[in-house]
Amino acid sequence: GDTMFALTYRYLAAKHHPRLKELLD
């Protein structure tokens, strides 16, 4: 489960969206 949590951020940040900070926040 901990590994899956880390993978979540990898996929959320996979593309450089103009509003990536808002997305991650």
PDBML (XML) file of the C-alpha atoms, coordinates in Angstrom:
<?xml version="1.0" encoding="UTF-8" ?>
<PDBx:datablock datablockName="MODEL"
   xmlns:PDBx="http://pdbml.pdb.org/schema/pdbx-v50.xsd"
   xmlns:xsi="http://www.w3.org/2001/XMLSchema-instance"
   xsi:schemaLocation="http://pdbml.pdb.org/schema/pdbx-v50.xsd pdbx-v50.xsd">
   <PDBx:atom_siteCategory>
      <PDBx:atom_site id="1">
         <PDBx:B_iso_or_equiv>0.00</PDBx:B_iso_or_equiv>
         <PDBx:Cartn_x>0.000</PDBx:Cartn_x>
         <PDBx:Cartn_y>0.000</PDBx:Cartn_y>
         <PDBx:Cartn_z>0.000</PDBx:Cartn_z>
         <PDBx:auth_asym_id>A</PDBx:auth_asym_id>
         <PDBx:auth_atom_id>CA</PDBx:auth_atom_id>
         <PDBx:auth_comp_id>GLY</PDBx:auth_comp_id>
         <PDBx:auth_seq_id>1</PDBx:auth_seq_id>
         <PDBx:group_PDB>ATOM</PDBx:group_PDB>
         <PDBx:label_alt_id xsi:nil="true" />
         <PDBx:label_asym_id>A</PDBx:label_asym_id>
         <PDBx:label_atom_id>CA</PDBx:label_atom_id>
         <PDBx:label_comp_id>GLY</PDBx:label_comp_id>
         <PDBx:label_entity_id>1</PDBx:label_entity_id>
         <PDBx:label_seq_id>1</PDBx:label_seq_id>
         <PDBx:occupancy>1.00</PDBx:occupancy>
         <PDBx:pdbx_PDB_model_num>1</PDBx:pdbx_PDB_model_num>
         <PDBx:type_symbol>C</PDBx:type_symbol>
      </PDBx:atom_site>
      <PDBx:atom_site id="2">
         <PDBx:B_iso_or_equiv>0.00</PDBx:B_iso_or_equiv>
         <PDBx:Cartn_x>2.806</PDBx:Cartn_x>
         <PDBx:Cartn_y>2.424</PDBx:Cartn_y>
         <PDBx:Cartn_z>0.822</PDBx:Cartn_z>
         <PDBx:auth_asym_id>A</PDBx:auth_asym_id>
         <PDBx:auth_atom_id>CA</PDBx:auth_atom_id>
         <PDBx:auth_comp_id>ASP</PDBx:auth_comp_id>
         <PDBx:auth_seq_id>2</PDBx:auth_seq_id>
         <PDBx:group_PDB>ATOM</PDBx:group_PDB>
         <PDBx:label_alt_id xsi:nil="true" />
         <PDBx:label_asym_id>A</PDBx:label_asym_id>
         <PDBx:label_atom_id>CA</PDBx:label_atom_id>
         <PDBx:label_comp_id>ASP</PDBx:label_comp_id>
         <PDBx:label_entity_id>1</PDBx:label_entity_id>
         <PDBx:label_seq_id>2</PDBx:label_seq_id>
         <PDBx:occupancy>1.00</PDBx:occupancy>
         <PDBx:pdbx_PDB_model_num>1</PDBx:pdbx_PDB_model_num>
         <PDBx:type_symbol>C</PDBx:type_symbol>
      </PDBx:atom_site>
      <PDBx:atom_site id="3">
         <PDBx:B_iso_or_equiv>0.00</PDBx:B_iso_or_equiv>
         <PDBx:Cartn_x>4.316</PDBx:Cartn_x>
         <PDBx:Cartn_y>1.740</PDBx:Cartn_y>
         <PDBx:Cartn_z>-2.596</PDBx:Cartn_z>
         <PDBx:auth_asym_id>A</PDBx:auth_asym_id>
         <PDBx:auth_atom_id>CA</PDBx:auth_atom_id>
         <PDBx:auth_comp_id>THR</PDBx:auth_comp_id>
         <PDBx:auth_seq_id>3</PDBx:auth_seq_id>
         <PDBx:group_PDB>ATOM</PDBx:group_PDB>
         <PDBx:label_alt_id xsi:nil="true" />
         <PDBx:label_asym_id>A</PDBx:label_asym_id>
         <PDBx:label_atom_id>CA</PDBx:label_atom_id>
         <PDBx:label_comp_id>THR</PDBx:label_comp_id>
         <PDBx:label_entity_id>1</PDBx:label_entity_id>
         <PDBx:label_seq_id>3</PDBx:label_seq_id>
         <PDBx:occupancy>1.00</PDBx:occupancy>
         <PDBx:pdbx_PDB_model_num>1</PDBx:pdbx_PDB_model_num>
         <PDBx:type_symbol>C</PDBx:type_symbol>
      </PDBx:atom_site>
      <PDBx:atom_site id="4">
         <PDBx:B_iso_or_equiv>0.00</PDBx:B_iso_or_equiv>
         <PDBx:Cartn_x>0.971</PDBx:Cartn_x>
         <PDBx:Cartn_y>2.447</PDBx:Cartn_y>
         <PDBx:Cartn_z>-4.239</PDBx:Cartn_z>
         <PDBx:auth_asym_id>A</PDBx:auth_asym_id>
         <PDBx:auth_atom_id>CA</PDBx:auth_atom_id>
         <PDBx:auth_comp_id>MET</PDBx:auth_comp_id>
         <PDBx:auth_seq_id>4</PDBx:auth_seq_id>
         <PDBx:group_PDB>ATOM</PDBx:group_PDB>
         <PDBx:label_alt_id xsi:nil="true" />
         <PDBx:label_asym_id>A</PDBx:label_asym_id>
         <PDBx:label_atom_id>CA</PDBx:label_atom_id>
         <PDBx:label_comp_id>MET</PDBx:label_comp_id>
         <PDBx:label_entity_id>1</PDBx:label_entity_id>
         <PDBx:label_seq_id>4</PDBx:label_seq_id>
         <PDBx:occupancy>1.00</PDBx:occupancy>
         <PDBx:pdbx_PDB_model_num>1</PDBx:pdbx_PDB_model_num>
         <PDBx:type_symbol>C</PDBx:type_symbol>
      </PDBx:atom_site>
      <PDBx:atom_site id="5">
         <PDBx:B_iso_or_equiv>0.00</PDBx:B_iso_or_equiv>
         <PDBx:Cartn_x>0.820</PDBx:Cartn_x>
         <PDBx:Cartn_y>5.793</PDBx:Cartn_y>
         <PDBx:Cartn_z>-2.448</PDBx:Cartn_z>
         <PDBx:auth_asym_id>A</PDBx:auth_asym_id>
         <PDBx:auth_atom_id>CA</PDBx:auth_atom_id>
         <PDBx:auth_comp_id>PHE</PDBx:auth_comp_id>
         <PDBx:auth_seq_id>5</PDBx:auth_seq_id>
         <PDBx:group_PDB>ATOM</PDBx:group_PDB>
         <PDBx:label_alt_id xsi:nil="true" />
         <PDBx:label_asym_id>A</PDBx:label_asym_id>
         <PDBx:label_atom_id>CA</PDBx:label_atom_id>
         <PDBx:label_comp_id>PHE</PDBx:label_comp_id>
         <PDBx:label_entity_id>1</PDBx:label_entity_id>
         <PDBx:label_seq_id>5</PDBx:label_seq_id>
         <PDBx:occupancy>1.00</PDBx:occupancy>
         <PDBx:pdbx_PDB_model_num>1</PDBx:pdbx_PDB_model_num>
         <PDBx:type_symbol>C</PDBx:type_symbol>
      </PDBx:atom_site>
      <PDBx:atom_site id="6">
         <PDBx:B_iso_or_equiv>0.00</PDBx:B_iso_or_equiv>
         <PDBx:Cartn_x>4.212</PDBx:Cartn_x>
         <PDBx:Cartn_y>6.695</PDBx:Cartn_y>
         <PDBx:Cartn_z>-3.919</PDBx:Cartn_z>
         <PDBx:auth_asym_id>A</PDBx:auth_asym_id>
         <PDBx:auth_atom_id>CA</PDBx:auth_atom_id>
         <PDBx:auth_comp_id>ALA</PDBx:auth_comp_id>
         <PDBx:auth_seq_id>6</PDBx:auth_seq_id>
         <PDBx:group_PDB>ATOM</PDBx:group_PDB>
         <PDBx:label_alt_id xsi:nil="true" />
         <PDBx:label_asym_id>A</PDBx:label_asym_id>
         <PDBx:label_atom_id>CA</PDBx:label_atom_id>
         <PDBx:label_comp_id>ALA</PDBx:label_comp_id>
         <PDBx:label_entity_id>1</PDBx:label_entity_id>
         <PDBx:label_seq_id>6</PDBx:label_seq_id>
         <PDBx:occupancy>1.00</PDBx:occupancy>
         <PDBx:pdbx_PDB_model_num>1</PDBx:pdbx_PDB_model_num>
         <PDBx:type_symbol>C</PDBx:type_symbol>
      </PDBx:atom_site>
      <PDBx:atom_site id="7">
         <PDBx:B_iso_or_equiv>0.00</PDBx:B_iso_or_equiv>
         <PDBx:Cartn_x>3.096</PDBx:Cartn_x>
         <PDBx:Cartn_y>5.558</PDBx:Cartn_y>
         <PDBx:Cartn_z>-7.379</PDBx:Cartn_z>
         <PDBx:auth_asym_id>A</PDBx:auth_asym_id>
         <PDBx:auth_atom_id>CA</PDBx:auth_atom_id>
         <PDBx:auth_comp_id>LEU</PDBx:auth_comp_id>
         <PDBx:auth_seq_id>7</PDBx:auth_seq_id>
         <PDBx:group_PDB>ATOM</PDBx:group_PDB>
         <PDBx:label_alt_id xsi:nil="true" />
         <PDBx:label_asym_id>A</PDBx:label_asym_id>
         <PDBx:label_atom_id>CA</PDBx:label_atom_id>
         <PDBx:label_comp_id>LEU</PDBx:label_comp_id>
         <PDBx:label_entity_id>1</PDBx:label_entity_id>
         <PDBx:label_seq_id>7</PDBx:label_seq_id>
         <PDBx:occupancy>1.00</PDBx:occupancy>
         <PDBx:pdbx_PDB_model_num>1</PDBx:pdbx_PDB_model_num>
         <PDBx:type_symbol>C</PDBx:type_symbol>
      </PDBx:atom_site>
      <PDBx:atom_site id="8">
         <PDBx:B_iso_or_equiv>0.00</PDBx:B_iso_or_equiv>
         <PDBx:Cartn_x>0.117</PDBx:Cartn_x>
         <PDBx:Cartn_y>7.904</PDBx:Cartn_y>
         <PDBx:Cartn_z>-7.118</PDBx:Cartn_z>
         <PDBx:auth_asym_id>A</PDBx:auth_asym_id>
         <PDBx:auth_atom_id>CA</PDBx:auth_atom_id>
         <PDBx:auth_comp_id>THR</PDBx:auth_comp_id>
         <PDBx:auth_seq_id>8</PDBx:auth_seq_id>
         <PDBx:group_PDB>ATOM</PDBx:group_PDB>
         <PDBx:label_alt_id xsi:nil="true" />
         <PDBx:label_asym_id>A</PDBx:label_asym_id>
         <PDBx:label_atom_id>CA</PDBx:label_atom_id>
         <PDBx:label_comp_id>THR</PDBx:label_comp_id>
         <PDBx:label_entity_id>1</PDBx:label_entity_id>
         <PDBx:label_seq_id>8</PDBx:label_seq_id>
         <PDBx:occupancy>1.00</PDBx:occupancy>
         <PDBx:pdbx_PDB_model_num>1</PDBx:pdbx_PDB_model_num>
         <PDBx:type_symbol>C</PDBx:type_symbol>
      </PDBx:atom_site>
      <PDBx:atom_site id="9">
         <PDBx:B_iso_or_equiv>0.00</PDBx:B_iso_or_equiv>
         <PDBx:Cartn_x>2.370</PDBx:Cartn_x>
         <PDBx:Cartn_y>10.971</PDBx:Cartn_y>
         <PDBx:Cartn_z>-7.247</PDBx:Cartn_z>
         <PDBx:auth_asym_id>A</PDBx:auth_asym_id>
         <PDBx:auth_atom_id>CA</PDBx:auth_atom_id>
         <PDBx:auth_comp_id>TYR</PDBx:auth_comp_id>
         <PDBx:auth_seq_id>9</PDBx:auth_seq_id>
         <PDBx:group_PDB>ATOM</PDBx:group_PDB>
         <PDBx:label_alt_id xsi:nil="true" />
         <PDBx:label_asym_id>A</PDBx:label_asym_id>
         <PDBx:label_atom_id>CA</PDBx:label_atom_id>
         <PDBx:label_comp_id>TYR</PDBx:label_comp_id>
         <PDBx:label_entity_id>1</PDBx:label_entity_id>
         <PDBx:label_seq_id>9</PDBx:label_seq_id>
         <PDBx:occupancy>1.00</PDBx:occupancy>
         <PDBx:pdbx_PDB_model_num>1</PDBx:pdbx_PDB_model_num>
         <PDBx:type_symbol>C</PDBx:type_symbol>
      </PDBx:atom_site>
      <PDBx:atom_site id="10">
         <PDBx:B_iso_or_equiv>0.00</PDBx:B_iso_or_equiv>
         <PDBx:Cartn_x>4.323</PDBx:Cartn_x>
         <PDBx:Cartn_y>9.532</PDBx:Cartn_y>
         <PDBx:Cartn_z>-10.172</PDBx:Cartn_z>
         <PDBx:auth_asym_id>A</PDBx:auth_asym_id>
         <PDBx:auth_atom_id>CA</PDBx:auth_atom_id>
         <PDBx:auth_comp_id>ARG</PDBx:auth_comp_id>
         <PDBx:auth_seq_id>10</PDBx:auth_seq_id>
         <PDBx:group_PDB>ATOM</PDBx:group_PDB>
         <PDBx:label_alt_id xsi:nil="true" />
         <PDBx:label_asym_id>A</PDBx:label_asym_id>
         <PDBx:label_atom_id>CA</PDBx:label_atom_id>
         <PDBx:label_comp_id>ARG</PDBx:label_comp_id>
         <PDBx:label_entity_id>1</PDBx:label_entity_id>
         <PDBx:label_seq_id>10</PDBx:label_seq_id>
         <PDBx:occupancy>1.00</PDBx:occupancy>
         <PDBx:pdbx_PDB_model_num>1</PDBx:pdbx_PDB_model_num>
         <PDBx:type_symbol>C</PDBx:type_symbol>
      </PDBx:atom_site>
      <PDBx:atom_site id="11">
         <PDBx:B_iso_or_equiv>0.00</PDBx:B_iso_or_equiv>
         <PDBx:Cartn_x>1.140</PDBx:Cartn_x>
         <PDBx:Cartn_y>9.307</PDBx:Cartn_y>
         <PDBx:Cartn_z>-12.230</PDBx:Cartn_z>
         <PDBx:auth_asym_id>A</PDBx:auth_asym_id>
         <PDBx:auth_atom_id>CA</PDBx:auth_atom_id>
         <PDBx:auth_comp_id>TYR</PDBx:auth_comp_id>
         <PDBx:auth_seq_id>11</PDBx:auth_seq_id>
         <PDBx:group_PDB>ATOM</PDBx:group_PDB>
         <PDBx:label_alt_id xsi:nil="true" />
         <PDBx:label_asym_id>A</PDBx:label_asym_id>
         <PDBx:label_atom_id>CA</PDBx:label_atom_id>
         <PDBx:label_comp_id>TYR</PDBx:label_comp_id>
         <PDBx:label_entity_id>1</PDBx:label_entity_id>
         <PDBx:label_seq_id>11</PDBx:label_seq_id>
         <PDBx:occupancy>1.00</PDBx:occupancy>
         <PDBx:pdbx_PDB_model_num>1</PDBx:pdbx_PDB_model_num>
         <PDBx:type_symbol>C</PDBx:type_symbol>
      </PDBx:atom_site>
      <PDBx:atom_site id="12">
         <PDBx:B_iso_or_equiv>0.00</PDBx:B_iso_or_equiv>
         <PDBx:Cartn_x>-0.347</PDBx:Cartn_x>
         <PDBx:Cartn_y>12.608</PDBx:Cartn_y>
         <PDBx:Cartn_z>-11.086</PDBx:Cartn_z>
         <PDBx:auth_asym_id>A</PDBx:auth_asym_id>
         <PDBx:auth_atom_id>CA</PDBx:auth_atom_id>
         <PDBx:auth_comp_id>LEU</PDBx:auth_comp_id>
         <PDBx:auth_seq_id>12</PDBx:auth_seq_id>
         <PDBx:group_PDB>ATOM</PDBx:group_PDB>
         <PDBx:label_alt_id xsi:nil="true" />
         <PDBx:label_asym_id>A</PDBx:label_asym_id>
         <PDBx:label_atom_id>CA</PDBx:label_atom_id>
         <PDBx:label_comp_id>LEU</PDBx:label_comp_id>
         <PDBx:label_entity_id>1</PDBx:label_entity_id>
         <PDBx:label_seq_id>12</PDBx:label_seq_id>
         <PDBx:occupancy>1.00</PDBx:occupancy>
         <PDBx:pdbx_PDB_model_num>1</PDBx:pdbx_PDB_model_num>
         <PDBx:type_symbol>C</PDBx:type_symbol>
      </PDBx:atom_site>
      <PDBx:atom_site id="13">
         <PDBx:B_iso_or_equiv>0.00</PDBx:B_iso_or_equiv>
         <PDBx:Cartn_x>2.835</PDBx:Cartn_x>
         <PDBx:Cartn_y>14.414</PDBx:Cartn_y>
         <PDBx:Cartn_z>-12.139</PDBx:Cartn_z>
         <PDBx:auth_asym_id>A</PDBx:auth_asym_id>
         <PDBx:auth_atom_id>CA</PDBx:auth_atom_id>
         <PDBx:auth_comp_id>ALA</PDBx:auth_comp_id>
         <PDBx:auth_seq_id>13</PDBx:auth_seq_id>
         <PDBx:group_PDB>ATOM</PDBx:group_PDB>
         <PDBx:label_alt_id xsi:nil="true" />
         <PDBx:label_asym_id>A</PDBx:label_asym_id>
         <PDBx:label_atom_id>CA</PDBx:label_atom_id>
         <PDBx:label_comp_id>ALA</PDBx:label_comp_id>
         <PDBx:label_entity_id>1</PDBx:label_entity_id>
         <PDBx:label_seq_id>13</PDBx:label_seq_id>
         <PDBx:occupancy>1.00</PDBx:occupancy>
         <PDBx:pdbx_PDB_model_num>1</PDBx:pdbx_PDB_model_num>
         <PDBx:type_symbol>C</PDBx:type_symbol>
      </PDBx:atom_site>
      <PDBx:atom_site id="14">
         <PDBx:B_iso_or_equiv>0.00</PDBx:B_iso_or_equiv>
         <PDBx:Cartn_x>3.431</PDBx:Cartn_x>
         <PDBx:Cartn_y>12.365</PDBx:Cartn_y>
         <PDBx:Cartn_z>-15.306</PDBx:Cartn_z>
         <PDBx:auth_asym_id>A</PDBx:auth_asym_id>
         <PDBx:auth_atom_id>CA</PDBx:auth_atom_id>
         <PDBx:auth_comp_id>ALA</PDBx:auth_comp_id>
         <PDBx:auth_seq_id>14</PDBx:auth_seq_id>
         <PDBx:group_PDB>ATOM</PDBx:group_PDB>
         <PDBx:label_alt_id xsi:nil="true" />
         <PDBx:label_asym_id>A</PDBx:label_asym_id>
         <PDBx:label_atom_id>CA</PDBx:label_atom_id>
         <PDBx:label_comp_id>ALA</PDBx:label_comp_id>
         <PDBx:label_entity_id>1</PDBx:label_entity_id>
         <PDBx:label_seq_id>14</PDBx:label_seq_id>
         <PDBx:occupancy>1.00</PDBx:occupancy>
         <PDBx:pdbx_PDB_model_num>1</PDBx:pdbx_PDB_model_num>
         <PDBx:type_symbol>C</PDBx:type_symbol>
      </PDBx:atom_site>
      <PDBx:atom_site id="15">
         <PDBx:B_iso_or_equiv>0.00</PDBx:B_iso_or_equiv>
         <PDBx:Cartn_x>2.468</PDBx:Cartn_x>
         <PDBx:Cartn_y>15.297</PDBx:Cartn_y>
         <PDBx:Cartn_z>-17.544</PDBx:Cartn_z>
         <PDBx:auth_asym_id>A</PDBx:auth_asym_id>
         <PDBx:auth_atom_id>CA</PDBx:auth_atom_id>
         <PDBx:auth_comp_id>LYS</PDBx:auth_comp_id>
         <PDBx:auth_seq_id>15</PDBx:auth_seq_id>
         <PDBx:group_PDB>ATOM</PDBx:group_PDB>
         <PDBx:label_alt_id xsi:nil="true" />
         <PDBx:label_asym_id>A</PDBx:label_asym_id>
         <PDBx:label_atom_id>CA</PDBx:label_atom_id>
         <PDBx:label_comp_id>LYS</PDBx:label_comp_id>
         <PDBx:label_entity_id>1</PDBx:label_entity_id>
         <PDBx:label_seq_id>15</PDBx:label_seq_id>
         <PDBx:occupancy>1.00</PDBx:occupancy>
         <PDBx:pdbx_PDB_model_num>1</PDBx:pdbx_PDB_model_num>
         <PDBx:type_symbol>C</PDBx:type_symbol>
      </PDBx:atom_site>
      <PDBx:atom_site id="16">
         <PDBx:B_iso_or_equiv>0.00</PDBx:B_iso_or_equiv>
         <PDBx:Cartn_x>3.425</PDBx:Cartn_x>
         <PDBx:Cartn_y>18.908</PDBx:Cartn_y>
         <PDBx:Cartn_z>-17.067</PDBx:Cartn_z>
         <PDBx:auth_asym_id>A</PDBx:auth_asym_id>
         <PDBx:auth_atom_id>CA</PDBx:auth_atom_id>
         <PDBx:auth_comp_id>HIS</PDBx:auth_comp_id>
         <PDBx:auth_seq_id>16</PDBx:auth_seq_id>
         <PDBx:group_PDB>ATOM</PDBx:group_PDB>
         <PDBx:label_alt_id xsi:nil="true" />
         <PDBx:label_asym_id>A</PDBx:label_asym_id>
         <PDBx:label_atom_id>CA</PDBx:label_atom_id>
         <PDBx:label_comp_id>HIS</PDBx:label_comp_id>
         <PDBx:label_entity_id>1</PDBx:label_entity_id>
         <PDBx:label_seq_id>16</PDBx:label_seq_id>
         <PDBx:occupancy>1.00</PDBx:occupancy>
         <PDBx:pdbx_PDB_model_num>1</PDBx:pdbx_PDB_model_num>
         <PDBx:type_symbol>C</PDBx:type_symbol>
      </PDBx:atom_site>
      <PDBx:atom_site id="17">
         <PDBx:B_iso_or_equiv>0.00</PDBx:B_iso_or_equiv>
         <PDBx:Cartn_x>-0.017</PDBx:Cartn_x>
         <PDBx:Cartn_y>20.484</PDBx:Cartn_y>
         <PDBx:Cartn_z>-16.859</PDBx:Cartn_z>
         <PDBx:auth_asym_id>A</PDBx:auth_asym_id>
         <PDBx:auth_atom_id>CA</PDBx:auth_atom_id>
         <PDBx:auth_comp_id>HIS</PDBx:auth_comp_id>
         <PDBx:auth_seq_id>17</PDBx:auth_seq_id>
         <PDBx:group_PDB>ATOM</PDBx:group_PDB>
         <PDBx:label_alt_id xsi:nil="true" />
         <PDBx:label_asym_id>A</PDBx:label_asym_id>
         <PDBx:label_atom_id>CA</PDBx:label_atom_id>
         <PDBx:label_comp_id>HIS</PDBx:label_comp_id>
         <PDBx:label_entity_id>1</PDBx:label_entity_id>
         <PDBx:label_seq_id>17</PDBx:label_seq_id>
         <PDBx:occupancy>1.00</PDBx:occupancy>
         <PDBx:pdbx_PDB_model_num>1</PDBx:pdbx_PDB_model_num>
         <PDBx:type_symbol>C</PDBx:type_symbol>
      </PDBx:atom_site>
      <PDBx:atom_site id="18">
         <PDBx:B_iso_or_equiv>0.00</PDBx:B_iso_or_equiv>
         <PDBx:Cartn_x>-0.100</PDBx:Cartn_x>
         <PDBx:Cartn_y>24.287</PDBx:Cartn_y>
         <PDBx:Cartn_z>-16.614</PDBx:Cartn_z>
         <PDBx:auth_asym_id>A</PDBx:auth_asym_id>
         <PDBx:auth_atom_id>CA</PDBx:auth_atom_id>
         <PDBx:auth_comp_id>PRO</PDBx:auth_comp_id>
         <PDBx:auth_seq_id>18</PDBx:auth_seq_id>
         <PDBx:group_PDB>ATOM</PDBx:group_PDB>
         <PDBx:label_alt_id xsi:nil="true" />
         <PDBx:label_asym_id>A</PDBx:label_asym_id>
         <PDBx:label_atom_id>CA</PDBx:label_atom_id>
         <PDBx:label_comp_id>PRO</PDBx:label_comp_id>
         <PDBx:label_entity_id>1</PDBx:label_entity_id>
         <PDBx:label_seq_id>18</PDBx:label_seq_id>
         <PDBx:occupancy>1.00</PDBx:occupancy>
         <PDBx:pdbx_PDB_model_num>1</PDBx:pdbx_PDB_model_num>
         <PDBx:type_symbol>C</PDBx:type_symbol>
      </PDBx:atom_site>
      <PDBx:atom_site id="19">
         <PDBx:B_iso_or_equiv>0.00</PDBx:B_iso_or_equiv>
         <PDBx:Cartn_x>-1.926</PDBx:Cartn_x>
         <PDBx:Cartn_y>23.927</PDBx:Cartn_y>
         <PDBx:Cartn_z>-13.291</PDBx:Cartn_z>
         <PDBx:auth_asym_id>A</PDBx:auth_asym_id>
         <PDBx:auth_atom_id>CA</PDBx:auth_atom_id>
         <PDBx:auth_comp_id>ARG</PDBx:auth_comp_id>
         <PDBx:auth_seq_id>19</PDBx:auth_seq_id>
         <PDBx:group_PDB>ATOM</PDBx:group_PDB>
         <PDBx:label_alt_id xsi:nil="true" />
         <PDBx:label_asym_id>A</PDBx:label_asym_id>
         <PDBx:label_atom_id>CA</PDBx:label_atom_id>
         <PDBx:label_comp_id>ARG</PDBx:label_comp_id>
         <PDBx:label_entity_id>1</PDBx:label_entity_id>
         <PDBx:label_seq_id>19</PDBx:label_seq_id>
         <PDBx:occupancy>1.00</PDBx:occupancy>
         <PDBx:pdbx_PDB_model_num>1</PDBx:pdbx_PDB_model_num>
         <PDBx:type_symbol>C</PDBx:type_symbol>
      </PDBx:atom_site>
      <PDBx:atom_site id="20">
         <PDBx:B_iso_or_equiv>0.00</PDBx:B_iso_or_equiv>
         <PDBx:Cartn_x>0.108</PDBx:Cartn_x>
         <PDBx:Cartn_y>21.037</PDBx:Cartn_y>
         <PDBx:Cartn_z>-11.927</PDBx:Cartn_z>
         <PDBx:auth_asym_id>A</PDBx:auth_asym_id>
         <PDBx:auth_atom_id>CA</PDBx:auth_atom_id>
         <PDBx:auth_comp_id>LEU</PDBx:auth_comp_id>
         <PDBx:auth_seq_id>20</PDBx:auth_seq_id>
         <PDBx:group_PDB>ATOM</PDBx:group_PDB>
         <PDBx:label_alt_id xsi:nil="true" />
         <PDBx:label_asym_id>A</PDBx:label_asym_id>
         <PDBx:label_atom_id>CA</PDBx:label_atom_id>
         <PDBx:label_comp_id>LEU</PDBx:label_comp_id>
         <PDBx:label_entity_id>1</PDBx:label_entity_id>
         <PDBx:label_seq_id>20</PDBx:label_seq_id>
         <PDBx:occupancy>1.00</PDBx:occupancy>
         <PDBx:pdbx_PDB_model_num>1</PDBx:pdbx_PDB_model_num>
         <PDBx:type_symbol>C</PDBx:type_symbol>
      </PDBx:atom_site>
      <PDBx:atom_site id="21">
         <PDBx:B_iso_or_equiv>0.00</PDBx:B_iso_or_equiv>
         <PDBx:Cartn_x>0.694</PDBx:Cartn_x>
         <PDBx:Cartn_y>22.736</PDBx:Cartn_y>
         <PDBx:Cartn_z>-8.559</PDBx:Cartn_z>
         <PDBx:auth_asym_id>A</PDBx:auth_asym_id>
         <PDBx:auth_atom_id>CA</PDBx:auth_atom_id>
         <PDBx:auth_comp_id>LYS</PDBx:auth_comp_id>
         <PDBx:auth_seq_id>21</PDBx:auth_seq_id>
         <PDBx:group_PDB>ATOM</PDBx:group_PDB>
         <PDBx:label_alt_id xsi:nil="true" />
         <PDBx:label_asym_id>A</PDBx:label_asym_id>
         <PDBx:label_atom_id>CA</PDBx:label_atom_id>
         <PDBx:label_comp_id>LYS</PDBx:label_comp_id>
         <PDBx:label_entity_id>1</PDBx:label_entity_id>
         <PDBx:label_seq_id>21</PDBx:label_seq_id>
         <PDBx:occupancy>1.00</PDBx:occupancy>
         <PDBx:pdbx_PDB_model_num>1</PDBx:pdbx_PDB_model_num>
         <PDBx:type_symbol>C</PDBx:type_symbol>
      </PDBx:atom_site>
      <PDBx:atom_site id="22">
         <PDBx:B_iso_or_equiv>0.00</PDBx:B_iso_or_equiv>
         <PDBx:Cartn_x>-3.056</PDBx:Cartn_x>
         <PDBx:Cartn_y>23.201</PDBx:Cartn_y>
         <PDBx:Cartn_z>-8.058</PDBx:Cartn_z>
         <PDBx:auth_asym_id>A</PDBx:auth_asym_id>
         <PDBx:auth_atom_id>CA</PDBx:auth_atom_id>
         <PDBx:auth_comp_id>GLU</PDBx:auth_comp_id>
         <PDBx:auth_seq_id>22</PDBx:auth_seq_id>
         <PDBx:group_PDB>ATOM</PDBx:group_PDB>
         <PDBx:label_alt_id xsi:nil="true" />
         <PDBx:label_asym_id>A</PDBx:label_asym_id>
         <PDBx:label_atom_id>CA</PDBx:label_atom_id>
         <PDBx:label_comp_id>GLU</PDBx:label_comp_id>
         <PDBx:label_entity_id>1</PDBx:label_entity_id>
         <PDBx:label_seq_id>22</PDBx:label_seq_id>
         <PDBx:occupancy>1.00</PDBx:occupancy>
         <PDBx:pdbx_PDB_model_num>1</PDBx:pdbx_PDB_model_num>
         <PDBx:type_symbol>C</PDBx:type_symbol>
      </PDBx:atom_site>
      <PDBx:atom_site id="23">
         <PDBx:B_iso_or_equiv>0.00</PDBx:B_iso_or_equiv>
         <PDBx:Cartn_x>-3.584</PDBx:Cartn_x>
         <PDBx:Cartn_y>19.590</PDBx:Cartn_y>
         <PDBx:Cartn_z>-9.047</PDBx:Cartn_z>
         <PDBx:auth_asym_id>A</PDBx:auth_asym_id>
         <PDBx:auth_atom_id>CA</PDBx:auth_atom_id>
         <PDBx:auth_comp_id>LEU</PDBx:auth_comp_id>
         <PDBx:auth_seq_id>23</PDBx:auth_seq_id>
         <PDBx:group_PDB>ATOM</PDBx:group_PDB>
         <PDBx:label_alt_id xsi:nil="true" />
         <PDBx:label_asym_id>A</PDBx:label_asym_id>
         <PDBx:label_atom_id>CA</PDBx:label_atom_id>
         <PDBx:label_comp_id>LEU</PDBx:label_comp_id>
         <PDBx:label_entity_id>1</PDBx:label_entity_id>
         <PDBx:label_seq_id>23</PDBx:label_seq_id>
         <PDBx:occupancy>1.00</PDBx:occupancy>
         <PDBx:pdbx_PDB_model_num>1</PDBx:pdbx_PDB_model_num>
         <PDBx:type_symbol>C</PDBx:type_symbol>
      </PDBx:atom_site>
      <PDBx:atom_site id="24">
         <PDBx:B_iso_or_equiv>0.00</PDBx:B_iso_or_equiv>
         <PDBx:Cartn_x>-0.997</PDBx:Cartn_x>
         <PDBx:Cartn_y>18.283</PDBx:Cartn_y>
         <PDBx:Cartn_z>-6.581</PDBx:Cartn_z>
         <PDBx:auth_asym_id>A</PDBx:auth_asym_id>
         <PDBx:auth_atom_id>CA</PDBx:auth_atom_id>
         <PDBx:auth_comp_id>LEU</PDBx:auth_comp_id>
         <PDBx:auth_seq_id>24</PDBx:auth_seq_id>
         <PDBx:group_PDB>ATOM</PDBx:group_PDB>
         <PDBx:label_alt_id xsi:nil="true" />
         <PDBx:label_asym_id>A</PDBx:label_asym_id>
         <PDBx:label_atom_id>CA</PDBx:label_atom_id>
         <PDBx:label_comp_id>LEU</PDBx:label_comp_id>
         <PDBx:label_entity_id>1</PDBx:label_entity_id>
         <PDBx:label_seq_id>24</PDBx:label_seq_id>
         <PDBx:occupancy>1.00</PDBx:occupancy>
         <PDBx:pdbx_PDB_model_num>1</PDBx:pdbx_PDB_model_num>
         <PDBx:type_symbol>C</PDBx:type_symbol>
      </PDBx:atom_site>
      <PDBx:atom_site id="25">
         <PDBx:B_iso_or_equiv>0.00</PDBx:B_iso_or_equiv>
         <PDBx:Cartn_x>-2.182</PDBx:Cartn_x>
         <PDBx:Cartn_y>20.638</PDBx:Cartn_y>
         <PDBx:Cartn_z>-3.810</PDBx:Cartn_z>
         <PDBx:auth_asym_id>A</PDBx:auth_asym_id>
         <PDBx:auth_atom_id>CA</PDBx:auth_atom_id>
         <PDBx:auth_comp_id>ASP</PDBx:auth_comp_id>
         <PDBx:auth_seq_id>25</PDBx:auth_seq_id>
         <PDBx:group_PDB>ATOM</PDBx:group_PDB>
         <PDBx:label_alt_id xsi:nil="true" />
         <PDBx:label_asym_id>A</PDBx:label_asym_id>
         <PDBx:label_atom_id>CA</PDBx:label_atom_id>
         <PDBx:label_comp_id>ASP</PDBx:label_comp_id>
         <PDBx:label_entity_id>1</PDBx:label_entity_id>
         <PDBx:label_seq_id>25</PDBx:label_seq_id>
         <PDBx:occupancy>1.00</PDBx:occupancy>
         <PDBx:pdbx_PDB_model_num>1</PDBx:pdbx_PDB_model_num>
         <PDBx:type_symbol>C</PDBx:type_symbol>
      </PDBx:atom_site>
   </PDBx:atom_siteCategory>
</PDBx:datablock>
